[in-house]
N, C-alpha and C. Protein backbone atom coordinates (compact mmCIF):
# COMPACT_ATOMS: atom_id res chain seq x y z
N MET A 1 65.88 113.93 31.76
CA MET A 1 64.98 112.86 31.80
C MET A 1 65.28 112.66 33.70
N LEU A 2 65.00 112.52 34.77
CA LEU A 2 65.23 112.47 35.80
C LEU A 2 65.16 110.89 36.37
N ARG A 3 66.14 110.63 37.02
CA ARG A 3 66.64 109.42 37.45
C ARG A 3 65.40 108.93 38.34
N PRO A 4 65.29 107.32 38.19
CA PRO A 4 64.63 107.11 38.88
C PRO A 4 64.99 106.07 39.99
N TRP A 5 65.85 106.37 40.28
CA TRP A 5 66.85 105.65 41.95
C TRP A 5 68.11 106.18 42.40
N MET A 6 68.31 105.66 43.21
CA MET A 6 70.22 106.38 43.49
C MET A 6 70.52 104.82 43.35
N ILE A 7 69.33 104.28 44.49
CA ILE A 7 70.20 102.53 44.56
C ILE A 7 69.21 101.93 44.53
N GLU A 8 68.84 101.17 43.46
CA GLU A 8 67.95 100.11 42.94
C GLU A 8 67.64 98.81 43.73
N GLY A 9 66.24 98.60 43.70
CA GLY A 9 65.64 97.53 44.13
C GLY A 9 65.35 97.59 45.66
N VAL A 10 65.61 99.41 46.25
CA VAL A 10 64.85 99.19 48.05
C VAL A 10 63.46 100.36 47.65
N ALA A 11 63.42 100.31 48.15
CA ALA A 11 62.50 101.13 49.09
C ALA A 11 62.84 102.57 49.72
N GLU A 12 62.91 103.97 48.25
CA GLU A 12 63.26 104.48 48.41
C GLU A 12 62.50 105.86 48.36
N ALA A 13 63.11 106.27 49.55
CA ALA A 13 62.32 108.08 49.53
C ALA A 13 62.56 108.70 49.20
N GLY A 14 62.12 109.82 48.69
CA GLY A 14 62.22 111.33 48.32
C GLY A 14 61.70 112.14 49.07
N CYS A 15 62.38 112.90 49.38
CA CYS A 15 62.03 114.17 50.20
C CYS A 15 62.34 115.81 50.10
N ASP A 16 61.46 116.51 50.44
CA ASP A 16 61.88 117.98 49.88
C ASP A 16 60.18 118.72 51.14
N GLU A 17 60.60 119.94 50.69
CA GLU A 17 60.10 120.90 51.09
C GLU A 17 59.81 122.15 50.38
N ALA A 18 58.28 122.98 50.91
CA ALA A 18 58.04 124.05 50.26
C ALA A 18 57.48 124.67 51.25
N GLY A 19 57.53 126.10 50.85
CA GLY A 19 57.41 127.60 51.67
C GLY A 19 58.75 127.60 52.91
N ARG A 20 59.71 127.34 52.20
CA ARG A 20 60.60 127.55 53.50
C ARG A 20 61.04 129.63 53.18
N GLY A 21 61.00 129.86 52.33
CA GLY A 21 61.59 131.45 52.59
C GLY A 21 60.04 132.34 52.45
N CYS A 22 59.22 131.44 52.77
CA CYS A 22 58.12 132.48 53.00
C CYS A 22 58.20 133.25 54.16
N LEU A 23 56.87 134.43 54.46
CA LEU A 23 57.31 135.30 55.45
C LEU A 23 55.75 134.39 56.53
N CYS A 24 54.92 133.97 56.19
CA CYS A 24 53.87 133.30 56.71
C CYS A 24 53.91 131.95 56.20
N GLY A 25 52.72 131.61 57.34
CA GLY A 25 52.16 130.25 56.97
C GLY A 25 52.77 128.97 57.67
N PRO A 26 52.86 127.91 57.20
CA PRO A 26 53.50 126.53 57.46
C PRO A 26 54.94 126.07 56.45
N VAL A 27 56.13 125.76 56.74
CA VAL A 27 56.58 124.72 55.81
C VAL A 27 56.00 123.45 55.69
N SER A 28 56.19 123.69 54.27
CA SER A 28 55.07 122.33 54.01
C SER A 28 56.10 120.85 53.46
N CYS A 29 56.41 119.77 54.09
CA CYS A 29 57.28 118.95 54.04
C CYS A 29 56.61 117.60 53.67
N ALA A 30 57.41 117.02 52.33
CA ALA A 30 56.57 115.42 52.30
C ALA A 30 57.83 114.39 52.07
N ALA A 31 57.08 113.16 51.93
CA ALA A 31 58.20 112.32 51.87
C ALA A 31 57.22 111.50 50.20
N VAL A 32 58.09 110.92 49.71
CA VAL A 32 57.45 110.29 48.62
C VAL A 32 58.06 108.29 48.52
N ILE A 33 57.53 107.61 47.96
CA ILE A 33 57.90 106.30 47.78
C ILE A 33 57.33 105.67 46.37
N LEU A 34 58.11 106.22 44.83
CA LEU A 34 57.43 105.91 44.45
C LEU A 34 57.41 103.76 43.46
N PRO A 35 56.33 103.66 43.09
CA PRO A 35 56.76 102.22 42.73
C PRO A 35 58.04 101.63 41.44
N PRO A 36 58.26 101.26 41.92
CA PRO A 36 59.58 99.69 40.13
C PRO A 36 58.46 100.24 38.94
N GLY A 37 59.49 100.90 38.57
CA GLY A 37 58.89 100.86 36.70
C GLY A 37 58.20 102.29 36.45
N PHE A 38 57.95 103.06 37.89
CA PHE A 38 57.07 104.65 37.71
C PHE A 38 57.35 104.83 36.53
N GLU A 39 57.08 105.82 35.59
CA GLU A 39 57.29 106.20 34.08
C GLU A 39 56.58 107.77 34.14
N CYS A 40 57.30 108.72 34.09
CA CYS A 40 56.33 110.14 33.92
C CYS A 40 57.52 111.30 33.07
N ASP A 41 57.22 111.44 32.03
CA ASP A 41 58.04 112.23 31.45
C ASP A 41 57.60 113.75 31.63
N GLU A 42 56.85 114.18 32.10
CA GLU A 42 56.38 115.61 32.86
C GLU A 42 57.23 115.39 34.62
N LEU A 43 57.29 114.76 34.88
CA LEU A 43 57.65 115.25 36.35
C LEU A 43 58.75 116.00 36.16
N ASN A 44 59.44 116.78 37.13
CA ASN A 44 60.01 117.92 37.10
C ASN A 44 60.23 118.69 38.66
N ASP A 45 60.91 119.05 38.67
CA ASP A 45 61.24 120.15 40.15
C ASP A 45 59.56 121.00 39.99
N SER A 46 59.39 120.80 41.24
CA SER A 46 58.15 121.85 40.75
C SER A 46 57.80 123.29 40.61
N LYS A 47 59.27 123.77 40.70
CA LYS A 47 59.15 125.24 40.70
C LYS A 47 59.41 125.95 38.96
N GLN A 48 59.35 124.79 38.03
CA GLN A 48 59.68 124.41 36.46
C GLN A 48 58.50 124.35 36.07
N LEU A 49 57.44 124.00 36.92
CA LEU A 49 55.93 123.45 36.18
C LEU A 49 55.17 124.65 36.13
N THR A 50 54.46 124.36 35.98
CA THR A 50 53.04 125.51 35.76
C THR A 50 52.16 125.13 36.83
N ALA A 51 51.25 125.87 37.38
CA ALA A 51 50.31 125.35 38.32
C ALA A 51 49.50 124.42 38.04
N ALA A 52 48.95 124.61 37.23
CA ALA A 52 48.14 123.60 36.38
C ALA A 52 48.77 121.82 36.35
N ALA A 53 50.12 122.12 35.53
CA ALA A 53 50.93 120.81 35.65
C ALA A 53 51.15 120.52 37.17
N ARG A 54 51.29 121.24 37.77
CA ARG A 54 51.70 120.32 38.94
C ARG A 54 50.46 119.85 40.06
N GLU A 55 49.25 120.08 39.52
CA GLU A 55 47.94 119.89 40.34
C GLU A 55 47.87 118.81 39.70
N ARG A 56 48.16 118.38 38.40
CA ARG A 56 47.40 117.34 37.42
C ARG A 56 48.87 115.95 37.94
N LEU A 57 49.60 116.23 38.45
CA LEU A 57 51.20 115.65 38.51
C LEU A 57 50.25 115.16 39.73
N ARG A 58 49.86 115.86 40.56
CA ARG A 58 49.65 115.77 42.11
C ARG A 58 48.69 114.36 42.29
N GLY A 59 47.90 114.77 41.46
CA GLY A 59 46.95 113.39 41.56
C GLY A 59 47.78 112.05 41.05
N LEU A 60 48.13 112.35 39.94
CA LEU A 60 49.06 110.89 39.35
C LEU A 60 49.94 110.67 40.44
N ILE A 61 50.45 111.11 41.12
CA ILE A 61 51.60 111.06 42.14
C ILE A 61 50.90 110.15 43.46
N GLU A 62 49.27 111.24 44.26
CA GLU A 62 49.38 110.38 44.97
C GLU A 62 48.32 109.12 45.28
N ALA A 63 48.19 108.85 43.38
CA ALA A 63 47.20 107.62 43.24
C ALA A 63 47.94 106.68 42.62
N SER A 64 49.18 106.91 41.72
CA SER A 64 50.75 105.60 42.08
C SER A 64 51.29 105.69 42.72
N ALA A 65 51.91 106.41 43.90
CA ALA A 65 53.02 105.95 44.72
C ALA A 65 52.75 104.43 45.68
N THR A 66 53.56 104.31 45.76
CA THR A 66 53.56 103.40 46.55
C THR A 66 53.37 103.32 48.64
N ALA A 67 54.36 104.64 48.45
CA ALA A 67 53.19 105.34 49.87
C ALA A 67 53.83 107.25 49.63
N TRP A 68 53.11 108.07 50.43
CA TRP A 68 53.35 109.43 50.47
C TRP A 68 52.46 110.05 51.94
N ALA A 69 53.01 110.98 52.00
CA ALA A 69 52.73 111.72 53.23
C ALA A 69 52.85 113.50 53.04
N VAL A 70 52.32 114.67 53.77
CA VAL A 70 52.76 115.24 53.72
C VAL A 70 52.46 116.24 55.18
N VAL A 71 53.44 116.47 55.66
CA VAL A 71 53.76 117.36 56.68
C VAL A 71 53.71 118.85 57.21
N MET A 72 52.75 119.89 57.71
CA MET A 72 52.79 121.08 58.04
C MET A 72 53.76 121.48 59.10
N VAL A 73 54.53 122.22 59.08
CA VAL A 73 55.53 122.76 60.86
C VAL A 73 54.69 124.30 60.10
N GLU A 74 54.01 124.58 61.62
CA GLU A 74 53.58 125.83 61.90
C GLU A 74 54.59 126.80 62.09
N PRO A 75 53.91 127.86 62.26
CA PRO A 75 54.78 128.99 62.21
C PRO A 75 55.09 129.10 63.82
N ASP A 76 54.61 128.76 64.75
CA ASP A 76 55.51 129.49 65.82
C ASP A 76 56.13 128.09 66.41
N GLU A 77 56.53 126.85 66.14
CA GLU A 77 57.70 126.38 65.38
C GLU A 77 59.05 126.38 65.00
N ILE A 78 58.71 127.14 63.70
CA ILE A 78 59.63 127.99 62.91
C ILE A 78 60.04 128.80 63.85
N ASP A 79 59.32 130.04 64.28
CA ASP A 79 60.21 131.12 65.48
C ASP A 79 60.85 130.49 66.09
N ARG A 80 59.95 129.16 67.10
CA ARG A 80 61.27 129.13 68.05
C ARG A 80 62.57 128.10 67.90
N ILE A 81 62.51 126.87 66.40
CA ILE A 81 63.57 126.04 66.26
C ILE A 81 63.99 126.99 64.87
N ASN A 82 63.79 127.67 64.38
CA ASN A 82 64.36 127.84 63.31
C ASN A 82 63.59 127.65 61.99
N ILE A 83 64.29 128.25 60.66
CA ILE A 83 63.52 127.10 59.65
C ILE A 83 64.34 126.54 59.57
N LEU A 84 65.56 126.06 59.19
CA LEU A 84 66.26 124.45 58.96
C LEU A 84 65.74 123.37 59.72
N ASN A 85 65.57 123.59 61.21
CA ASN A 85 65.30 122.80 61.42
C ASN A 85 63.94 122.41 61.95
N ALA A 86 63.14 123.44 61.09
CA ALA A 86 61.84 122.99 60.83
C ALA A 86 61.50 122.21 59.75
N SER A 87 62.51 122.67 58.78
CA SER A 87 62.08 121.86 57.77
C SER A 87 62.62 120.76 57.96
N ILE A 88 63.93 120.24 58.74
CA ILE A 88 64.33 119.03 58.52
C ILE A 88 63.30 117.92 59.82
N ALA A 89 62.79 118.30 60.87
CA ALA A 89 62.18 118.11 61.52
C ALA A 89 60.69 117.81 60.83
N GLY A 90 59.88 118.37 60.18
CA GLY A 90 58.82 118.53 58.92
C GLY A 90 58.76 116.65 57.97
N MET A 91 60.43 116.80 57.57
CA MET A 91 60.58 116.02 56.46
C MET A 91 60.90 114.58 56.86
N GLN A 92 61.28 114.58 58.34
CA GLN A 92 61.53 113.73 59.32
C GLN A 92 60.01 112.90 59.67
N ARG A 93 58.93 114.08 60.29
CA ARG A 93 57.66 113.65 60.26
C ARG A 93 56.41 112.89 59.30
N ALA A 94 57.41 113.35 57.72
CA ALA A 94 56.85 112.61 56.54
C ALA A 94 56.92 111.65 56.95
N LEU A 95 58.30 111.18 56.63
CA LEU A 95 58.86 109.93 56.86
C LEU A 95 57.93 108.88 57.71
N ASP A 96 58.35 109.22 58.68
CA ASP A 96 57.17 108.55 60.01
C ASP A 96 56.00 108.58 59.58
N ALA A 97 55.10 109.02 58.69
CA ALA A 97 53.68 109.06 58.54
C ALA A 97 53.88 107.91 57.19
N LEU A 98 54.72 107.41 56.44
CA LEU A 98 54.59 106.53 55.62
C LEU A 98 54.53 105.51 55.50
N ALA A 99 53.17 105.07 55.15
CA ALA A 99 52.74 103.32 55.33
C ALA A 99 54.13 102.39 54.96
N THR A 100 54.46 102.70 54.06
CA THR A 100 55.54 101.65 53.88
C THR A 100 56.95 102.33 54.72
N ARG A 101 57.94 101.21 54.53
CA ARG A 101 58.78 101.46 55.69
C ARG A 101 60.13 102.32 54.65
N PRO A 102 60.73 103.41 53.89
CA PRO A 102 61.87 103.22 53.22
C PRO A 102 63.40 102.97 54.17
N GLU A 103 63.30 102.30 52.98
CA GLU A 103 65.28 101.40 53.21
C GLU A 103 66.09 102.72 52.59
N HIS A 104 66.35 103.47 52.03
CA HIS A 104 67.09 104.35 52.05
C HIS A 104 66.38 106.09 51.81
N ILE A 105 67.13 107.12 51.78
CA ILE A 105 66.24 108.39 52.10
C ILE A 105 67.08 109.48 50.70
N LEU A 106 66.33 110.46 49.95
CA LEU A 106 67.05 111.07 49.04
C LEU A 106 66.42 112.10 49.89
N VAL A 107 66.93 113.43 49.96
CA VAL A 107 66.94 114.63 50.20
C VAL A 107 67.41 115.82 49.63
N ASP A 108 66.15 116.65 48.88
CA ASP A 108 66.53 117.87 48.24
C ASP A 108 67.36 118.45 49.29
N GLY A 109 68.61 119.32 48.60
CA GLY A 109 69.54 120.45 49.13
C GLY A 109 71.10 119.31 49.89
N ASN A 110 70.82 120.46 50.98
CA ASN A 110 73.06 119.91 51.61
C ASN A 110 72.71 119.50 53.16
N ARG A 111 71.27 120.04 53.95
CA ARG A 111 71.67 119.41 55.31
C ARG A 111 69.96 118.27 55.38
N PHE A 112 70.37 117.46 56.15
CA PHE A 112 69.60 116.45 56.87
C PHE A 112 70.30 115.69 58.49
N ARG A 113 69.36 115.08 58.97
CA ARG A 113 70.23 114.38 59.98
C ARG A 113 70.02 113.02 59.79
N PRO A 114 70.56 112.57 60.84
CA PRO A 114 70.50 111.21 60.71
C PRO A 114 68.82 110.50 61.40
N TYR A 115 68.12 109.63 60.73
CA TYR A 115 66.65 109.19 60.76
C TYR A 115 66.77 108.22 61.05
N LEU A 116 65.97 107.77 62.65
CA LEU A 116 66.03 106.51 63.25
C LEU A 116 64.27 106.32 63.15
N ASP A 117 64.28 104.96 62.01
CA ASP A 117 62.82 104.65 62.06
C ASP A 117 62.25 104.57 63.43
N PRO A 118 61.13 104.94 63.14
CA PRO A 118 60.05 105.06 64.71
C PRO A 118 59.75 103.05 65.37
N GLN A 119 59.58 102.72 63.79
CA GLN A 119 59.22 101.13 63.76
C GLN A 119 60.37 100.29 64.27
N ARG A 120 61.45 100.20 63.57
CA ARG A 120 62.42 99.11 63.75
C ARG A 120 63.44 99.42 64.41
N MET A 121 63.16 100.97 64.78
CA MET A 121 64.07 101.33 65.36
C MET A 121 65.37 101.11 65.05
N VAL A 122 65.88 101.56 63.62
CA VAL A 122 67.06 101.43 63.13
C VAL A 122 67.59 102.68 62.59
N ASP A 123 68.83 103.22 62.16
CA ASP A 123 68.94 104.39 60.97
C ASP A 123 68.60 103.88 59.82
N ILE A 124 68.02 104.59 59.44
CA ILE A 124 68.27 105.12 57.43
C ILE A 124 68.88 105.55 57.15
N PRO A 125 69.92 104.93 56.39
CA PRO A 125 70.65 105.51 55.34
C PRO A 125 69.92 106.86 54.37
N HIS A 126 71.02 108.13 54.22
CA HIS A 126 70.25 108.83 53.80
C HIS A 126 71.32 109.58 52.80
N HIS A 127 71.26 110.20 51.57
CA HIS A 127 71.84 111.02 50.95
C HIS A 127 70.82 112.32 50.87
N THR A 128 71.99 112.88 50.47
CA THR A 128 71.15 115.11 50.67
C THR A 128 72.07 115.09 49.19
N VAL A 129 70.90 115.69 48.30
CA VAL A 129 71.41 116.03 46.90
C VAL A 129 71.31 117.71 46.54
N VAL A 130 71.70 118.55 46.27
CA VAL A 130 71.54 119.55 45.75
C VAL A 130 70.89 119.55 44.40
N LYS A 131 69.86 120.32 44.39
CA LYS A 131 68.71 120.09 43.12
C LYS A 131 68.51 118.82 42.33
N GLY A 132 67.96 118.28 43.98
CA GLY A 132 67.54 116.94 43.52
C GLY A 132 66.81 116.53 43.15
N ASP A 133 65.39 118.18 43.44
CA ASP A 133 64.14 117.93 43.20
C ASP A 133 64.32 117.94 41.29
N ALA A 134 65.50 118.40 40.93
CA ALA A 134 65.68 118.11 39.21
C ALA A 134 66.64 117.07 39.15
N THR A 135 66.88 116.12 39.82
CA THR A 135 67.82 114.98 39.54
C THR A 135 66.60 113.66 39.42
N TYR A 136 66.44 113.51 40.70
CA TYR A 136 65.70 112.15 41.47
C TYR A 136 63.80 112.51 41.22
N MET A 137 63.30 111.34 40.54
CA MET A 137 62.08 111.29 40.69
C MET A 137 60.98 111.48 41.79
N SER A 138 61.64 110.46 42.80
CA SER A 138 61.11 111.00 43.68
C SER A 138 61.37 112.13 44.77
N ILE A 139 62.64 112.90 44.92
CA ILE A 139 62.52 113.55 45.36
C ILE A 139 61.28 115.57 44.57
N ALA A 140 61.56 114.96 42.97
CA ALA A 140 60.63 116.03 42.49
C ALA A 140 59.61 115.60 42.87
N ALA A 141 58.77 114.02 43.50
CA ALA A 141 57.12 114.19 43.25
C ALA A 141 56.88 114.36 45.09
N ALA A 142 58.01 114.80 45.28
CA ALA A 142 57.81 115.40 47.20
C ALA A 142 57.73 117.00 47.02
N SER A 143 58.37 117.60 45.69
CA SER A 143 58.23 118.45 46.15
C SER A 143 57.11 119.09 45.54
N ILE A 144 56.78 118.42 44.40
CA ILE A 144 55.34 118.89 43.83
C ILE A 144 54.35 118.78 45.19
N LEU A 145 54.20 117.41 46.03
CA LEU A 145 53.28 117.70 47.04
C LEU A 145 53.33 118.17 48.07
N ALA A 146 54.33 118.66 48.49
CA ALA A 146 54.51 119.45 49.32
C ALA A 146 53.65 121.14 49.03
N LYS A 147 54.14 121.41 47.59
CA LYS A 147 53.94 123.01 46.64
C LYS A 147 52.51 122.94 46.84
N THR A 148 52.12 121.91 46.07
CA THR A 148 50.46 121.58 45.87
C THR A 148 49.18 121.69 47.02
N HIS A 149 49.84 121.36 48.11
CA HIS A 149 49.79 120.97 49.68
C HIS A 149 49.71 122.43 50.03
N ARG A 150 50.37 123.24 49.96
CA ARG A 150 50.67 124.30 50.76
C ARG A 150 50.31 125.43 50.21
N ASP A 151 50.16 125.46 48.79
CA ASP A 151 49.28 126.29 48.07
C ASP A 151 47.95 126.04 48.35
N GLN A 152 47.05 124.97 48.43
CA GLN A 152 45.88 124.75 48.53
C GLN A 152 45.40 125.54 49.85
N LEU A 153 46.81 125.77 51.25
CA LEU A 153 46.06 126.00 52.48
C LEU A 153 46.51 127.25 52.09
N MET A 154 47.71 128.05 52.04
CA MET A 154 47.24 129.68 51.56
C MET A 154 46.37 130.01 50.93
N ARG A 155 45.77 129.20 49.83
CA ARG A 155 44.65 130.01 49.01
C ARG A 155 43.32 129.56 50.16
N GLU A 156 43.11 129.15 50.88
CA GLU A 156 42.27 129.16 52.33
C GLU A 156 43.10 130.37 53.13
N TYR A 157 43.95 130.38 53.74
CA TYR A 157 44.19 131.86 54.68
C TYR A 157 43.82 133.05 53.86
N ALA A 158 43.79 132.42 52.95
CA ALA A 158 43.98 134.45 51.62
C ALA A 158 42.33 134.58 51.60
N ALA A 159 41.69 133.49 52.13
CA ALA A 159 39.92 133.69 51.74
C ALA A 159 39.84 134.31 53.30
N ARG A 160 40.45 133.84 54.47
CA ARG A 160 40.72 134.07 55.63
C ARG A 160 41.17 135.59 56.11
N TRP A 161 42.64 135.84 55.85
CA TRP A 161 42.98 137.12 55.75
C TRP A 161 43.44 137.85 54.75
N PRO A 162 42.28 138.52 54.06
CA PRO A 162 42.08 138.89 52.74
C PRO A 162 43.41 140.43 52.66
N GLY A 163 43.74 140.86 51.83
CA GLY A 163 44.07 141.57 51.38
C GLY A 163 46.19 141.25 51.22
N TYR A 164 46.77 140.40 51.78
CA TYR A 164 48.00 140.02 51.68
C TYR A 164 48.62 139.68 50.45
N GLY A 165 47.19 139.06 49.38
CA GLY A 165 47.56 138.41 48.22
C GLY A 165 47.79 136.78 48.17
N TRP A 166 47.92 136.94 49.08
CA TRP A 166 48.52 135.10 49.51
C TRP A 166 47.96 134.57 48.61
N GLU A 167 46.56 134.23 47.65
CA GLU A 167 46.56 133.35 46.41
C GLU A 167 47.03 133.51 46.06
N LYS A 168 48.20 134.85 45.08
CA LYS A 168 48.81 135.15 44.63
C LYS A 168 50.62 134.44 44.89
N ASN A 169 50.91 135.09 45.86
CA ASN A 169 51.98 135.28 46.50
C ASN A 169 52.59 133.88 47.37
N MET A 170 51.78 133.53 47.88
CA MET A 170 51.18 132.36 48.49
C MET A 170 52.50 132.44 49.58
N GLY A 171 52.45 133.89 50.27
CA GLY A 171 53.43 134.19 51.51
C GLY A 171 54.85 134.48 51.34
N TYR A 172 55.20 134.56 50.18
CA TYR A 172 56.66 134.92 49.74
C TYR A 172 56.65 136.16 49.74
N PRO A 173 57.86 136.81 50.04
CA PRO A 173 58.22 138.22 50.35
C PRO A 173 58.16 139.30 49.29
N THR A 174 57.12 139.38 48.22
CA THR A 174 56.68 140.29 47.12
C THR A 174 56.50 142.04 47.64
N ARG A 175 56.22 142.49 46.63
CA ARG A 175 55.75 143.76 47.47
C ARG A 175 54.92 143.85 47.92
N ALA A 176 53.93 143.43 47.22
CA ALA A 176 52.44 143.50 47.63
C ALA A 176 52.61 142.93 49.16
N HIS A 177 52.77 141.92 48.76
CA HIS A 177 52.77 141.49 50.64
C HIS A 177 53.99 142.52 51.58
N TYR A 178 54.72 143.13 51.54
CA TYR A 178 55.04 143.80 51.88
C TYR A 178 54.49 145.11 52.47
N ASP A 179 53.48 145.29 51.22
CA ASP A 179 52.79 146.73 51.08
C ASP A 179 51.79 146.20 51.95
N ALA A 180 51.32 145.15 52.13
CA ALA A 180 50.07 144.58 52.98
C ALA A 180 50.38 144.61 54.68
N LEU A 181 51.51 144.40 54.80
CA LEU A 181 52.12 144.19 56.24
C LEU A 181 52.74 145.80 56.52
N GLU A 182 52.60 146.52 56.04
CA GLU A 182 52.68 148.03 56.44
C GLU A 182 51.28 148.69 56.74
N ARG A 183 50.56 148.30 55.88
CA ARG A 183 48.78 148.53 55.95
C ARG A 183 48.50 147.55 57.36
N LEU A 184 48.39 146.76 57.17
CA LEU A 184 47.40 145.86 58.01
C LEU A 184 48.64 145.51 59.33
N GLY A 185 49.47 145.04 59.11
CA GLY A 185 49.97 144.27 60.48
C GLY A 185 50.40 142.58 60.15
N PRO A 186 51.39 142.61 60.67
CA PRO A 186 51.14 141.20 60.66
C PRO A 186 49.73 140.00 61.12
N THR A 187 49.72 138.98 61.08
CA THR A 187 48.83 138.01 61.18
C THR A 187 49.08 136.90 61.87
N PRO A 188 47.81 136.47 62.42
CA PRO A 188 48.36 135.58 63.82
C PRO A 188 49.79 133.94 62.63
N ILE A 189 49.24 133.99 61.45
CA ILE A 189 49.94 133.44 60.90
C ILE A 189 51.51 133.54 60.45
N HIS A 190 52.15 134.83 60.44
CA HIS A 190 53.08 135.35 59.90
C HIS A 190 54.30 134.75 60.95
N ARG A 191 55.01 134.64 60.68
CA ARG A 191 56.62 134.12 61.13
C ARG A 191 57.19 135.43 61.53
N LEU A 192 56.82 135.34 62.89
CA LEU A 192 57.79 136.52 63.95
C LEU A 192 59.03 136.65 63.82
N SER A 193 59.98 135.79 63.78
CA SER A 193 61.32 135.73 63.12
C SER A 193 61.98 136.19 62.34
N PHE A 194 60.52 136.40 60.99
CA PHE A 194 61.62 136.70 59.82
C PHE A 194 61.54 138.25 60.24
N ARG A 195 62.07 138.54 58.33
CA ARG A 195 62.07 139.97 58.18
C ARG A 195 60.64 140.14 57.34
N LEU A 196 59.87 141.10 58.38
CA LEU A 196 58.51 141.65 57.82
C LEU A 196 58.16 142.79 57.49
N THR A 197 59.60 143.52 57.48
CA THR A 197 59.11 145.07 56.97
C THR A 197 60.65 144.83 55.55
N ARG A 198 60.39 145.58 54.56
CA ARG A 198 61.52 145.92 53.73
C ARG A 198 62.96 146.33 54.26
N HIS A 199 63.39 146.97 55.73
CA HIS A 199 64.37 147.19 55.73
C HIS A 199 65.16 147.20 57.49
N ALA A 200 64.13 146.49 57.43
CA ALA A 200 64.68 145.61 59.18
C ALA A 200 66.02 144.34 58.36
N LYS A 201 66.75 144.05 59.92
CA LYS A 201 67.46 143.02 59.25
C LYS A 201 67.14 142.05 59.53
N THR A 202 67.32 141.28 59.46
CA THR A 202 66.75 139.40 59.33
C THR A 202 67.15 139.03 61.07
């Protein structure tokens, strides 16, 4: 059972990303504030759920959340500032987009930067949590929204650039994806700063 909050009685936003290790497409960053008393036994780290369960939970989260936002950081920006900086920037932009201002922030992983609320011009306290998407409900909810929104986009990209198997691998570095890169070369949405051949150094 996931924990409902770290600090009780405040608007606590959970943040997570999806697609950080992909060879192409954006990194998807989400922030979610769940309402007091929210309950869902099925809620879990998105990687532990089936695609059908993620889609079902996406609808529940979007309908029930006090506030939620998903932001895409595109490949050209990832190449320019690197994937870690792009992930942090995306999560902070998702926080910017929340209709309710957070009072505390939970971030999956171990890296983040101080977040200045653009409306109140104050720093919002945050905690990073390793495996936070399997610990706190708000981070798990953010992981599900980040994953489902990105998967939907990658399926659309798969129809536009067929042959790379993105409808299945979602842009991750699978054998089929590397095979397609050798045959077809990179697309405009590949991350050129990433290793795009099996044997190249990162």
